Amino acid sequence: SSCIFFVRMGRYRAARTSRLHGALRLVRQKAAWLRGSSGLLLALVFSCSLLLSTFSSARAAPEKGMTGIDLLLPHPWPMHNLVRSGTLTVATTAKDPPRTFVRPDGELDGTRVTLFRQIAHDLGLHVEFVRIDWAAILPGLLANRFDMACEGVQWSPDRLGAGGFLLTRPVTVSHVVVLVPRAGPVKAWSDLNGRRIGGIRGETEFMVGIAALKQATPIALIGQQEGVLAVMNKQVEGLIIDETSATALLKQDDPDHTLQIIRADLPTAPESLCVNAREPELLEAVDILLTKYRVEGLLARINTDYGAADDIDALGAIGY
């Protein structure tokens, strides 16, 4: 019996070591991506040190995913710097279908709402959503009002080097498109030059698109629905937006099929969730959970449940 005990202990330690090494590889991979930002890199290094205490001090709950492997994760995860103890406070616009939107009964719903709820559940936390316009989300993180935010924020040199918030591992990739009237003069991306083009204030897609259209006149708008109305009312001649949102808006707000999508000839970019810069241990936990969700197929299933464009497989092109 003593031989069996030591064999089992050896297997347990080997499995635990393998899990720990896998998590550390994830941290090192993110550090390589963010090497240009000293602030974010320091946060990741700090979170790496916290990982050891997380796995050793928290009460662990084994979970079995699609791989059939028991995954030993802390439950609840130890969190020391939450805005409110025991609560995951999440900022959302509720204006970005299918990621976030308000159902007819007044309840929040969407792919990201579902994902945030799952994250909170697996962390052993209550979740509280705060509705706010997109332009106020990143300043709110800086002001320590939220723990997490962003339906999906694009990676860019400015954001990676900002230092005021942390970015999780990517959850999708973003394609820039423009919504235009089907019967209008714009038939290709190049036709947008010299025209009034709308976009959501503060969104990377809008800034990237306008930078590529040197002769267009940019019109900043407060939300997606407002942008669609601006196109339909001819206040702007196109709305620059990401492809997932554009597809959902056509289904929701254009039943007569008066609009069409034109894809921009621009690079795609990873999109992540945002984490309060004061909470590196939260970033660590969320990154490990997102890895689990990706491997088990949960991210893809959530998109499928909401009829959203599924770009999960495209993450493999950038090592995720």
C-alpha atoms as a PDB file:
ATOM      1  CA  SER A   1       0.000   0.000   0.000  1.00  0.00           C
ATOM      2  CA  SER A   2       2.885   2.363   0.723  1.00  0.00           C
ATOM      3  CA  CYS A   3       4.202   1.800  -2.812  1.00  0.00           C
ATOM      4  CA  ILE A   4       0.809   2.703  -4.267  1.00  0.00           C
ATOM      5  CA  PHE A   5       0.715   5.821  -2.098  1.00  0.00           C
ATOM      6  CA  PHE A   6       4.082   7.065  -3.333  1.00  0.00           C
ATOM      7  CA  VAL A   7       3.192   6.292  -6.955  1.00  0.00           C
ATOM      8  CA  ARG A   8      -0.003   8.322  -6.597  1.00  0.00           C
ATOM      9  CA  MET A   9       1.846  11.150  -4.910  1.00  0.00           C
ATOM     10  CA  GLY A  10       4.402  11.143  -7.700  1.00  0.00           C
ATOM     11  CA  ARG A  11       1.678  11.362 -10.330  1.00  0.00           C
ATOM     12  CA  TYR A  12      -0.049  14.143  -8.416  1.00  0.00           C
ATOM     13  CA  ARG A  13       3.132  16.191  -8.121  1.00  0.00           C
ATOM     14  CA  ALA A  14       3.985  15.626 -11.786  1.00  0.00           C
ATOM     15  CA  ALA A  15       0.508  16.725 -12.865  1.00  0.00           C
ATOM     16  CA  ARG A  16       0.619  19.755 -10.595  1.00  0.00           C
ATOM     17  CA  THR A  17       4.064  20.710 -11.915  1.00  0.00           C
ATOM     18  CA  SER A  18       2.837  20.338 -15.502  1.00  0.00           C
ATOM     19  CA  ARG A  19      -0.126  22.628 -14.807  1.00  0.00           C
ATOM     20  CA  LEU A  20       2.077  25.199 -13.164  1.00  0.00           C
ATOM     21  CA  HIS A  21       4.585  25.162 -15.998  1.00  0.00           C
ATOM     22  CA  GLY A  22       1.767  25.554 -18.522  1.00  0.00           C
ATOM     23  CA  ALA A  23       0.453  28.607 -16.705  1.00  0.00           C
ATOM     24  CA  LEU A  24       3.937  30.102 -16.493  1.00  0.00           C
ATOM     25  CA  ARG A  25       4.424  29.576 -20.237  1.00  0.00           C
ATOM     26  CA  LEU A  26       1.226  31.559 -20.792  1.00  0.00           C
ATOM     27  CA  VAL A  27       2.604  34.420 -18.673  1.00  0.00           C
ATOM     28  CA  ARG A  28       5.932  34.378 -20.530  1.00  0.00           C
ATOM     29  CA  GLN A  29       4.106  34.404 -23.870  1.00  0.00           C
ATOM     30  CA  LYS A  30       2.107  37.465 -22.872  1.00  0.00           C
ATOM     31  CA  ALA A  31       5.273  39.161 -21.605  1.00  0.00           C
ATOM     32  CA  ALA A  32       6.889  38.645 -25.011  1.00  0.00           C
ATOM     33  CA  TRP A  33       3.930  40.346 -26.701  1.00  0.00           C
ATOM     34  CA  LEU A  34       4.016  43.234 -24.269  1.00  0.00           C
ATOM     35  CA  ARG A  35       7.799  43.687 -24.082  1.00  0.00           C
ATOM     36  CA  GLY A  36       7.468  47.240 -25.389  1.00  0.00           C
ATOM     37  CA  SER A  37       5.515  48.317 -22.297  1.00  0.00           C
ATOM     38  CA  SER A  38       7.526  48.429 -19.089  1.00  0.00           C
ATOM     39  CA  GLY A  39       4.430  49.049 -16.940  1.00  0.00           C
ATOM     40  CA  LEU A  40       2.521  46.088 -18.264  1.00  0.00           C
ATOM     41  CA  LEU A  41       5.590  43.866 -18.210  1.00  0.00           C
ATOM     42  CA  LEU A  42       6.207  44.635 -14.542  1.00  0.00           C
ATOM     43  CA  ALA A  43       2.572  43.787 -13.793  1.00  0.00           C
ATOM     44  CA  LEU A  44       2.970  40.455 -15.557  1.00  0.00           C
ATOM     45  CA  VAL A  45       6.193  39.660 -13.714  1.00  0.00           C
ATOM     46  CA  PHE A  46       4.436  40.425 -10.432  1.00  0.00           C
ATOM     47  CA  SER A  47       1.469  38.264 -11.405  1.00  0.00           C
ATOM     48  CA  CYS A  48       3.860  35.424 -12.207  1.00  0.00           C
ATOM     49  CA  SER A  49       5.137  35.484  -8.618  1.00  0.00           C
ATOM     50  CA  LEU A  50       1.578  35.490  -7.317  1.00  0.00           C
ATOM     51  CA  LEU A  51       0.849  32.349  -9.286  1.00  0.00           C
ATOM     52  CA  LEU A  52       2.890  30.214  -6.888  1.00  0.00           C
ATOM     53  CA  SER A  53       0.932  31.372  -3.850  1.00  0.00           C
ATOM     54  CA  THR A  54      -2.345  31.052  -5.751  1.00  0.00           C
ATOM     55  CA  PHE A  55      -1.815  27.371  -6.453  1.00  0.00           C
ATOM     56  CA  SER A  56      -0.487  26.574  -3.000  1.00  0.00           C
ATOM     57  CA  SER A  57      -2.719  28.599  -0.671  1.00  0.00           C
ATOM     58  CA  ALA A  58      -6.210  28.562  -2.209  1.00  0.00           C
ATOM     59  CA  ARG A  59      -8.711  25.775  -1.740  1.00  0.00           C
ATOM     60  CA  ALA A  60      -8.675  23.900  -5.045  1.00  0.00           C
ATOM     61  CA  ALA A  61     -11.617  22.501  -6.974  1.00  0.00           C
ATOM     62  CA  PRO A  62     -10.898  19.942  -9.724  1.00  0.00           C
ATOM     63  CA  GLU A  63     -12.708  20.435 -13.025  1.00  0.00           C
ATOM     64  CA  LYS A  64     -12.936  18.085 -15.983  1.00  0.00           C
ATOM     65  CA  GLY A  65     -13.152  19.644 -19.447  1.00  0.00           C
ATOM     66  CA  MET A  66     -13.558  18.270 -22.959  1.00  0.00           C
ATOM     67  CA  THR A  67     -10.047  16.833 -22.776  1.00  0.00           C
ATOM     68  CA  GLY A  68     -11.118  14.535 -19.935  1.00  0.00           C
ATOM     69  CA  ILE A  69      -8.265  15.839 -17.764  1.00  0.00           C
ATOM     70  CA  ASP A  70      -8.928  16.982 -14.213  1.00  0.00           C
ATOM     71  CA  LEU A  71      -7.783  20.603 -13.911  1.00  0.00           C
ATOM     72  CA  LEU A  72      -7.017  21.710 -10.375  1.00  0.00           C
ATOM     73  CA  LEU A  73      -7.997  25.383 -10.044  1.00  0.00           C
ATOM     74  CA  PRO A  74      -8.464  27.557  -6.958  1.00  0.00           C
ATOM     75  CA  HIS A  75     -12.064  28.216  -5.960  1.00  0.00           C
ATOM     76  CA  PRO A  76     -12.520  30.893  -4.945  1.00  0.00           C
ATOM     77  CA  TRP A  77      -9.441  32.533  -6.413  1.00  0.00           C
ATOM     78  CA  PRO A  78      -7.657  34.846  -3.956  1.00  0.00           C
ATOM     79  CA  MET A  79      -8.249  38.434  -5.062  1.00  0.00           C
ATOM     80  CA  HIS A  80      -6.754  41.289  -3.061  1.00  0.00           C
ATOM     81  CA  ASN A  81      -7.518  44.487  -4.982  1.00  0.00           C
ATOM     82  CA  LEU A  82     -11.083  44.189  -6.253  1.00  0.00           C
ATOM     83  CA  VAL A  83     -13.062  47.432  -6.415  1.00  0.00           C
ATOM     84  CA  ARG A  84     -15.586  45.727  -4.127  1.00  0.00           C
ATOM     85  CA  SER A  85     -14.685  42.641  -2.143  1.00  0.00           C
ATOM     86  CA  GLY A  86     -16.393  39.503  -3.408  1.00  0.00           C
ATOM     87  CA  THR A  87     -17.699  41.229  -6.559  1.00  0.00           C
ATOM     88  CA  LEU A  88     -16.397  41.395 -10.118  1.00  0.00           C
ATOM     89  CA  THR A  89     -17.412  44.873 -11.324  1.00  0.00           C
ATOM     90  CA  VAL A  90     -17.614  44.979 -15.118  1.00  0.00           C
ATOM     91  CA  ALA A  91     -18.187  48.023 -17.342  1.00  0.00           C
ATOM     92  CA  THR A  92     -20.126  47.519 -20.563  1.00  0.00           C
ATOM     93  CA  THR A  93     -21.809  49.724 -23.148  1.00  0.00           C
ATOM     94  CA  ALA A  94     -24.738  47.330 -23.657  1.00  0.00           C
ATOM     95  CA  LYS A  95     -24.725  48.762 -27.204  1.00  0.00           C
ATOM     96  CA  ASP A  96     -22.510  46.282 -29.039  1.00  0.00           C
ATOM     97  CA  PRO A  97     -24.624  43.361 -30.270  1.00  0.00           C
ATOM     98  CA  PRO A  98     -24.043  40.453 -30.268  1.00  0.00           C
ATOM     99  CA  ARG A  99     -21.388  41.066 -27.605  1.00  0.00           C
ATOM    100  CA  THR A 100     -23.526  43.190 -25.271  1.00  0.00           C
ATOM    101  CA  PHE A 101     -27.104  44.383 -25.612  1.00  0.00           C
ATOM    102  CA  VAL A 102     -30.304  44.849 -23.624  1.00  0.00           C
ATOM    103  CA  ARG A 103     -33.099  42.331 -24.123  1.00  0.00           C
ATOM    104  CA  PRO A 104     -36.733  43.463 -24.393  1.00  0.00           C
ATOM    105  CA  ASP A 105     -37.199  42.496 -20.734  1.00  0.00           C
ATOM    106  CA  GLY A 106     -34.464  44.971 -19.750  1.00  0.00           C
ATOM    107  CA  GLU A 107     -31.817  42.343 -18.912  1.00  0.00           C
ATOM    108  CA  LEU A 108     -28.250  42.494 -20.207  1.00  0.00           C
ATOM    109  CA  ASP A 109     -27.283  39.753 -22.636  1.00  0.00           C
ATOM    110  CA  GLY A 110     -24.713  38.883 -25.270  1.00  0.00           C
ATOM    111  CA  THR A 111     -21.571  36.861 -25.880  1.00  0.00           C
ATOM    112  CA  ARG A 112     -19.375  39.011 -23.639  1.00  0.00           C
ATOM    113  CA  VAL A 113     -22.008  39.272 -20.899  1.00  0.00           C
ATOM    114  CA  THR A 114     -22.164  35.464 -20.874  1.00  0.00           C
ATOM    115  CA  LEU A 115     -18.365  35.257 -20.828  1.00  0.00           C
ATOM    116  CA  PHE A 116     -18.021  37.737 -17.952  1.00  0.00           C
ATOM    117  CA  ARG A 117     -20.637  35.837 -15.954  1.00  0.00           C
ATOM    118  CA  GLN A 118     -18.763  32.581 -16.525  1.00  0.00           C
ATOM    119  CA  ILE A 119     -15.476  34.178 -15.449  1.00  0.00           C
ATOM    120  CA  ALA A 120     -17.064  35.545 -12.260  1.00  0.00           C
ATOM    121  CA  HIS A 121     -18.602  32.159 -11.483  1.00  0.00           C
ATOM    122  CA  ASP A 122     -15.284  30.348 -11.921  1.00  0.00           C
ATOM    123  CA  LEU A 123     -13.514  32.918  -9.763  1.00  0.00           C
ATOM    124  CA  GLY A 124     -16.091  32.451  -7.011  1.00  0.00           C
ATOM    125  CA  LEU A 125     -17.323  36.048  -7.325  1.00  0.00           C
ATOM    126  CA  HIS A 126     -20.632  37.833  -7.751  1.00  0.00           C
ATOM    127  CA  VAL A 127     -20.773  39.853 -10.992  1.00  0.00           C
ATOM    128  CA  GLU A 128     -22.092  43.405 -11.263  1.00  0.00           C
ATOM    129  CA  PHE A 129     -22.405  45.195 -14.615  1.00  0.00           C
ATOM    130  CA  VAL A 130     -22.120  48.971 -14.960  1.00  0.00           C
ATOM    131  CA  ARG A 131     -23.551  50.467 -18.160  1.00  0.00           C
ATOM    132  CA  ILE A 132     -21.448  53.284 -19.587  1.00  0.00           C
ATOM    133  CA  ASP A 133     -20.565  54.814 -22.972  1.00  0.00           C
ATOM    134  CA  TRP A 134     -17.465  53.452 -24.663  1.00  0.00           C
ATOM    135  CA  ALA A 135     -15.538  56.730 -24.428  1.00  0.00           C
ATOM    136  CA  ALA A 136     -15.753  56.577 -20.608  1.00  0.00           C
ATOM    137  CA  ILE A 137     -14.713  52.937 -20.157  1.00  0.00           C
ATOM    138  CA  LEU A 138     -10.918  53.231 -20.237  1.00  0.00           C
ATOM    139  CA  PRO A 139     -10.925  56.399 -18.094  1.00  0.00           C
ATOM    140  CA  GLY A 140     -13.150  54.504 -15.646  1.00  0.00           C
ATOM    141  CA  LEU A 141     -10.582  51.715 -15.395  1.00  0.00           C
ATOM    142  CA  LEU A 142      -7.889  54.307 -14.744  1.00  0.00           C
ATOM    143  CA  ALA A 143     -10.057  55.817 -11.995  1.00  0.00           C
ATOM    144  CA  ASN A 144     -10.418  52.375 -10.329  1.00  0.00           C
ATOM    145  CA  ARG A 145     -14.181  52.241 -10.887  1.00  0.00           C
ATOM    146  CA  PHE A 146     -14.203  48.786 -12.531  1.00  0.00           C
ATOM    147  CA  ASP A 147     -12.301  45.498 -12.298  1.00  0.00           C
ATOM    148  CA  MET A 148     -12.857  44.550 -15.941  1.00  0.00           C
ATOM    149  CA  ALA A 149     -14.325  46.091 -19.069  1.00  0.00           C
ATOM    150  CA  CYS A 150     -14.337  46.101 -22.867  1.00  0.00           C
ATOM    151  CA  GLU A 151     -16.479  43.956 -25.134  1.00  0.00           C
ATOM    152  CA  GLY A 152     -13.274  43.618 -27.125  1.00  0.00           C
ATOM    153  CA  VAL A 153     -10.448  46.145 -27.352  1.00  0.00           C
ATOM    154  CA  GLN A 154      -7.978  45.927 -30.201  1.00  0.00           C
ATOM    155  CA  TRP A 155      -4.290  45.553 -29.535  1.00  0.00           C
ATOM    156  CA  SER A 156      -2.404  48.594 -30.793  1.00  0.00           C
ATOM    157  CA  PRO A 157       1.025  50.081 -30.008  1.00  0.00           C
ATOM    158  CA  ASP A 158      -0.613  52.921 -28.064  1.00  0.00           C
ATOM    159  CA  ARG A 159      -2.783  50.619 -25.962  1.00  0.00           C
ATOM    160  CA  LEU A 160      -0.054  48.070 -25.311  1.00  0.00           C
ATOM    161  CA  GLY A 161       2.199  50.863 -24.090  1.00  0.00           C
ATOM    162  CA  ALA A 162      -0.397  52.880 -22.202  1.00  0.00           C
ATOM    163  CA  GLY A 163       0.268  51.295 -18.803  1.00  0.00           C
ATOM    164  CA  GLY A 164      -3.073  52.361 -17.319  1.00  0.00           C
ATOM    165  CA  PHE A 165      -4.826  49.028 -17.828  1.00  0.00           C
ATOM    166  CA  LEU A 166      -3.981  45.421 -18.625  1.00  0.00           C
ATOM    167  CA  LEU A 167      -5.064  43.346 -21.612  1.00  0.00           C
ATOM    168  CA  THR A 168      -5.999  39.682 -21.341  1.00  0.00           C
ATOM    169  CA  ARG A 169      -4.984  37.059 -23.845  1.00  0.00           C
ATOM    170  CA  PRO A 170      -6.976  37.608 -27.084  1.00  0.00           C
ATOM    171  CA  VAL A 171     -10.553  36.375 -27.280  1.00  0.00           C
ATOM    172  CA  THR A 172     -11.034  37.055 -31.004  1.00  0.00           C
ATOM    173  CA  VAL A 173      -9.625  38.968 -33.961  1.00  0.00           C
ATOM    174  CA  SER A 174     -11.140  42.089 -35.501  1.00  0.00           C
ATOM    175  CA  HIS A 175     -11.745  42.925 -39.159  1.00  0.00           C
ATOM    176  CA  VAL A 176     -12.440  46.549 -40.130  1.00  0.00           C
ATOM    177  CA  VAL A 177     -15.459  47.022 -42.421  1.00  0.00           C
ATOM    178  CA  VAL A 178     -17.743  49.863 -43.461  1.00  0.00           C
ATOM    179  CA  LEU A 179     -21.555  49.852 -43.597  1.00  0.00           C
ATOM    180  CA  VAL A 180     -22.863  51.766 -46.619  1.00  0.00           C
ATOM    181  CA  PRO A 181     -26.208  52.150 -48.434  1.00  0.00           C
ATOM    182  CA  ARG A 182     -26.664  49.308 -50.898  1.00  0.00           C
ATOM    183  CA  ALA A 183     -27.977  51.715 -53.536  1.00  0.00           C
ATOM    184  CA  GLY A 184     -25.330  54.365 -52.871  1.00  0.00           C
ATOM    185  CA  PRO A 185     -22.190  55.309 -54.803  1.00  0.00           C
ATOM    186  CA  VAL A 186     -19.733  53.494 -52.509  1.00  0.00           C
ATOM    187  CA  LYS A 187     -18.895  50.073 -53.944  1.00  0.00           C
ATOM    188  CA  ALA A 188     -15.333  49.655 -52.681  1.00  0.00           C
ATOM    189  CA  TRP A 189     -13.202  50.835 -49.766  1.00  0.00           C
ATOM    190  CA  SER A 190     -11.342  53.320 -51.974  1.00  0.00           C
ATOM    191  CA  ASP A 191     -14.663  55.020 -52.836  1.00  0.00           C
ATOM    192  CA  LEU A 192     -14.841  56.395 -49.273  1.00  0.00           C
ATOM    193  CA  ASN A 193     -12.167  59.040 -49.868  1.00  0.00           C
ATOM    194  CA  GLY A 194     -13.636  62.531 -50.015  1.00  0.00           C
ATOM    195  CA  ARG A 195     -16.834  61.482 -48.209  1.00  0.00           C
ATOM    196  CA  ARG A 196     -18.308  61.943 -44.698  1.00  0.00           C
ATOM    197  CA  ILE A 197     -17.527  58.771 -42.785  1.00  0.00           C
ATOM    198  CA  GLY A 198     -18.868  57.935 -39.336  1.00  0.00           C
ATOM    199  CA  GLY A 199     -17.460  55.781 -36.575  1.00  0.00           C
ATOM    200  CA  ILE A 200     -17.777  55.201 -32.842  1.00  0.00           C
ATOM    201  CA  ARG A 201     -15.843  57.757 -30.803  1.00  0.00           C
ATOM    202  CA  GLY A 202     -12.747  56.145 -29.276  1.00  0.00           C
ATOM    203  CA  GLU A 203     -12.937  52.854 -31.195  1.00  0.00           C
ATOM    204  CA  THR A 204      -9.724  51.662 -32.817  1.00  0.00           C
ATOM    205  CA  GLU A 205     -11.510  50.537 -35.982  1.00  0.00           C
ATOM    206  CA  PHE A 206     -12.654  54.114 -36.596  1.00  0.00           C
ATOM    207  CA  MET A 207      -9.207  55.596 -35.965  1.00  0.00           C
ATOM    208  CA  VAL A 208      -7.440  52.988 -38.114  1.00  0.00           C
ATOM    209  CA  GLY A 209      -9.965  53.368 -40.930  1.00  0.00           C
ATOM    210  CA  ILE A 210      -9.821  57.168 -40.996  1.00  0.00           C
ATOM    211  CA  ALA A 211      -6.009  57.077 -40.923  1.00  0.00           C
ATOM    212  CA  ALA A 212      -6.119  54.984 -44.090  1.00  0.00           C
ATOM    213  CA  LEU A 213      -8.636  57.330 -45.751  1.00  0.00           C
ATOM    214  CA  LYS A 214      -6.612  60.532 -45.958  1.00  0.00           C
ATOM    215  CA  GLN A 215      -9.273  62.502 -47.813  1.00  0.00           C
ATOM    216  CA  ALA A 216     -12.370  61.429 -45.866  1.00  0.00           C
ATOM    217  CA  THR A 217     -14.176  63.648 -43.358  1.00  0.00           C
ATOM    218  CA  PRO A 218     -14.539  61.806 -40.014  1.00  0.00           C
ATOM    219  CA  ILE A 219     -17.763  62.129 -38.005  1.00  0.00           C
ATOM    220  CA  ALA A 220     -17.520  60.740 -34.438  1.00  0.00           C
ATOM    221  CA  LEU A 221     -20.705  59.127 -33.100  1.00  0.00           C
ATOM    222  CA  ILE A 222     -21.636  57.884 -29.625  1.00  0.00           C
ATOM    223  CA  GLY A 223     -22.878  54.371 -30.445  1.00  0.00           C
ATOM    224  CA  GLN A 224     -23.545  51.738 -33.070  1.00  0.00           C
ATOM    225  CA  GLN A 225     -27.295  52.224 -33.368  1.00  0.00           C
ATOM    226  CA  GLU A 226     -26.725  55.971 -33.739  1.00  0.00           C
ATOM    227  CA  GLY A 227     -24.227  55.173 -36.468  1.00  0.00           C
ATOM    228  CA  VAL A 228     -26.692  53.025 -38.416  1.00  0.00           C
ATOM    229  CA  LEU A 229     -29.321  55.776 -38.188  1.00  0.00           C
ATOM    230  CA  ALA A 230     -26.751  58.308 -39.391  1.00  0.00           C
ATOM    231  CA  VAL A 231     -26.106  56.178 -42.489  1.00  0.00           C
ATOM    232  CA  MET A 232     -29.799  55.630 -43.176  1.00  0.00           C
ATOM    233  CA  ASN A 233     -30.537  59.345 -42.739  1.00  0.00           C
ATOM    234  CA  LYS A 234     -27.594  60.258 -45.014  1.00  0.00           C
ATOM    235  CA  GLN A 235     -25.806  62.202 -42.295  1.00  0.00           C
ATOM    236  CA  VAL A 236     -22.756  60.101 -43.140  1.00  0.00           C
ATOM    237  CA  GLU A 237     -22.018  58.032 -46.227  1.00  0.00           C
ATOM    238  CA  GLY A 238     -20.556  55.075 -44.362  1.00  0.00           C
ATOM    239  CA  LEU A 239     -19.993  53.699 -40.851  1.00  0.00           C
ATOM    240  CA  ILE A 240     -16.599  52.203 -40.010  1.00  0.00           C
ATOM    241  CA  ILE A 241     -16.974  49.345 -37.552  1.00  0.00           C
ATOM    242  CA  ASP A 242     -15.797  45.784 -36.858  1.00  0.00           C
ATOM    243  CA  GLU A 243     -17.253  42.953 -38.934  1.00  0.00           C
ATOM    244  CA  THR A 244     -18.910  41.082 -36.064  1.00  0.00           C
ATOM    245  CA  SER A 245     -20.835  44.166 -34.958  1.00  0.00           C
ATOM    246  CA  ALA A 246     -21.705  45.090 -38.545  1.00  0.00           C
ATOM    247  CA  THR A 247     -23.199  41.646 -39.194  1.00  0.00           C
ATOM    248  CA  ALA A 248     -25.306  41.842 -36.031  1.00  0.00           C
ATOM    249  CA  LEU A 249     -26.482  45.374 -36.815  1.00  0.00           C
ATOM    250  CA  LEU A 250     -27.700  44.327 -40.258  1.00  0.00           C
ATOM    251  CA  LYS A 251     -29.770  41.538 -38.700  1.00  0.00           C
ATOM    252  CA  GLN A 252     -31.159  43.788 -35.989  1.00  0.00           C
ATOM    253  CA  ASP A 253     -31.605  47.221 -37.558  1.00  0.00           C
ATOM    254  CA  ASP A 254     -31.853  46.656 -41.314  1.00  0.00           C
ATOM    255  CA  PRO A 255     -34.754  44.286 -42.012  1.00  0.00           C
ATOM    256  CA  ASP A 256     -35.219  45.732 -45.517  1.00  0.00           C
ATOM    257  CA  HIS A 257     -31.573  45.050 -46.470  1.00  0.00           C
ATOM    258  CA  THR A 258     -30.864  48.646 -47.461  1.00  0.00           C
ATOM    259  CA  LEU A 259     -27.261  48.463 -46.214  1.00  0.00           C
ATOM    260  CA  GLN A 260     -24.283  46.333 -47.145  1.00  0.00           C
ATOM    261  CA  ILE A 261     -20.851  45.520 -45.722  1.00  0.00           C
ATOM    262  CA  ILE A 262     -17.651  46.431 -47.541  1.00  0.00           C
ATOM    263  CA  ARG A 263     -14.502  44.929 -46.066  1.00  0.00           C
ATOM    264  CA  ALA A 264     -11.484  47.174 -45.675  1.00  0.00           C
ATOM    265  CA  ASP A 265      -8.113  46.184 -47.092  1.00  0.00           C
ATOM    266  CA  LEU A 266      -6.496  46.626 -43.671  1.00  0.00           C
ATOM    267  CA  PRO A 267      -4.657  44.296 -41.269  1.00  0.00           C
ATOM    268  CA  THR A 268      -6.694  42.392 -38.703  1.00  0.00           C
ATOM    269  CA  ALA A 269      -5.920  42.785 -35.004  1.00  0.00           C
ATOM    270  CA  PRO A 270      -6.370  40.694 -31.837  1.00  0.00           C
ATOM    271  CA  GLU A 271      -9.033  41.783 -29.366  1.00  0.00           C
ATOM    272  CA  SER A 272      -8.866  41.340 -25.595  1.00  0.00           C
ATOM    273  CA  LEU A 273     -10.788  42.070 -22.453  1.00  0.00           C
ATOM    274  CA  CYS A 274      -9.484  44.870 -20.204  1.00  0.00           C
ATOM    275  CA  VAL A 275      -8.372  44.467 -16.587  1.00  0.00           C
ATOM    276  CA  ASN A 276      -7.763  47.128 -13.948  1.00  0.00           C
ATOM    277  CA  ALA A 277      -3.997  47.779 -13.782  1.00  0.00           C
ATOM    278  CA  ARG A 278      -4.132  47.520  -9.977  1.00  0.00           C
ATOM    279  CA  GLU A 279      -5.224  43.870 -10.234  1.00  0.00           C
ATOM    280  CA  PRO A 280      -2.443  41.733 -11.794  1.00  0.00           C
ATOM    281  CA  GLU A 281      -3.697  38.674  -9.875  1.00  0.00           C
ATOM    282  CA  LEU A 282      -7.070  39.076 -11.620  1.00  0.00           C
ATOM    283  CA  LEU A 283      -5.322  39.223 -15.011  1.00  0.00           C
ATOM    284  CA  GLU A 284      -3.448  36.015 -14.156  1.00  0.00           C
ATOM    285  CA  ALA A 285      -6.619  34.164 -13.187  1.00  0.00           C
ATOM    286  CA  VAL A 286      -8.614  35.402 -16.195  1.00  0.00           C
ATOM    287  CA  ASP A 287      -5.844  34.432 -18.630  1.00  0.00           C
ATOM    288  CA  ILE A 288      -5.762  30.891 -17.259  1.00  0.00           C
ATOM    289  CA  LEU A 289      -9.567  30.642 -17.461  1.00  0.00           C
ATOM    290  CA  LEU A 290      -9.621  31.982 -21.040  1.00  0.00           C
ATOM    291  CA  THR A 291      -7.061  29.346 -21.997  1.00  0.00           C
ATOM    292  CA  LYS A 292      -9.304  26.700 -20.459  1.00  0.00           C
ATOM    293  CA  TYR A 293     -12.367  28.042 -22.290  1.00  0.00           C
ATOM    294  CA  ARG A 294     -10.519  28.070 -25.602  1.00  0.00           C
ATOM    295  CA  VAL A 295      -9.265  24.489 -25.236  1.00  0.00           C
ATOM    296  CA  GLU A 296     -12.658  23.195 -24.126  1.00  0.00           C
ATOM    297  CA  GLY A 297     -14.493  25.011 -26.935  1.00  0.00           C
ATOM    298  CA  LEU A 298     -16.544  27.277 -24.656  1.00  0.00           C
ATOM    299  CA  LEU A 299     -15.570  30.486 -26.478  1.00  0.00           C
ATOM    300  CA  ALA A 300     -16.697  29.012 -29.788  1.00  0.00           C
ATOM    301  CA  ARG A 301     -19.945  27.667 -28.291  1.00  0.00           C
ATOM    302  CA  ILE A 302     -20.857  31.063 -26.859  1.00  0.00           C
ATOM    303  CA  ASN A 303     -20.436  32.660 -30.285  1.00  0.00           C
ATOM    304  CA  THR A 304     -22.500  29.908 -31.892  1.00  0.00           C
ATOM    305  CA  ASP A 305     -25.305  30.309 -29.343  1.00  0.00           C
ATOM    306  CA  TYR A 306     -25.673  33.988 -30.297  1.00  0.00           C
ATOM    307  CA  GLY A 307     -25.217  33.507 -34.048  1.00  0.00           C
ATOM    308  CA  ALA A 308     -22.021  35.579 -33.924  1.00  0.00           C
ATOM    309  CA  ALA A 309     -19.169  35.425 -36.404  1.00  0.00           C
ATOM    310  CA  ASP A 310     -16.666  32.920 -35.024  1.00  0.00           C
ATOM    311  CA  ASP A 311     -13.062  34.055 -35.444  1.00  0.00           C
ATOM    312  CA  ILE A 312     -11.721  31.908 -32.619  1.00  0.00           C
ATOM    313  CA  ASP A 313      -9.712  29.671 -34.969  1.00  0.00           C
ATOM    314  CA  ALA A 314      -8.007  32.729 -36.445  1.00  0.00           C
ATOM    315  CA  LEU A 315      -6.285  33.231 -33.087  1.00  0.00           C
ATOM    316  CA  GLY A 316      -4.067  30.278 -33.944  1.00  0.00           C
ATOM    317  CA  ALA A 317      -2.285  32.424 -36.536  1.00  0.00           C
ATOM    318  CA  ILE A 318      -0.867  34.559 -33.720  1.00  0.00           C
ATOM    319  CA  GLY A 319       0.006  31.742 -31.369  1.00  0.00           C
ATOM    320  CA  TYR A 320      -3.228  31.534 -29.371  1.00  0.00           C
END
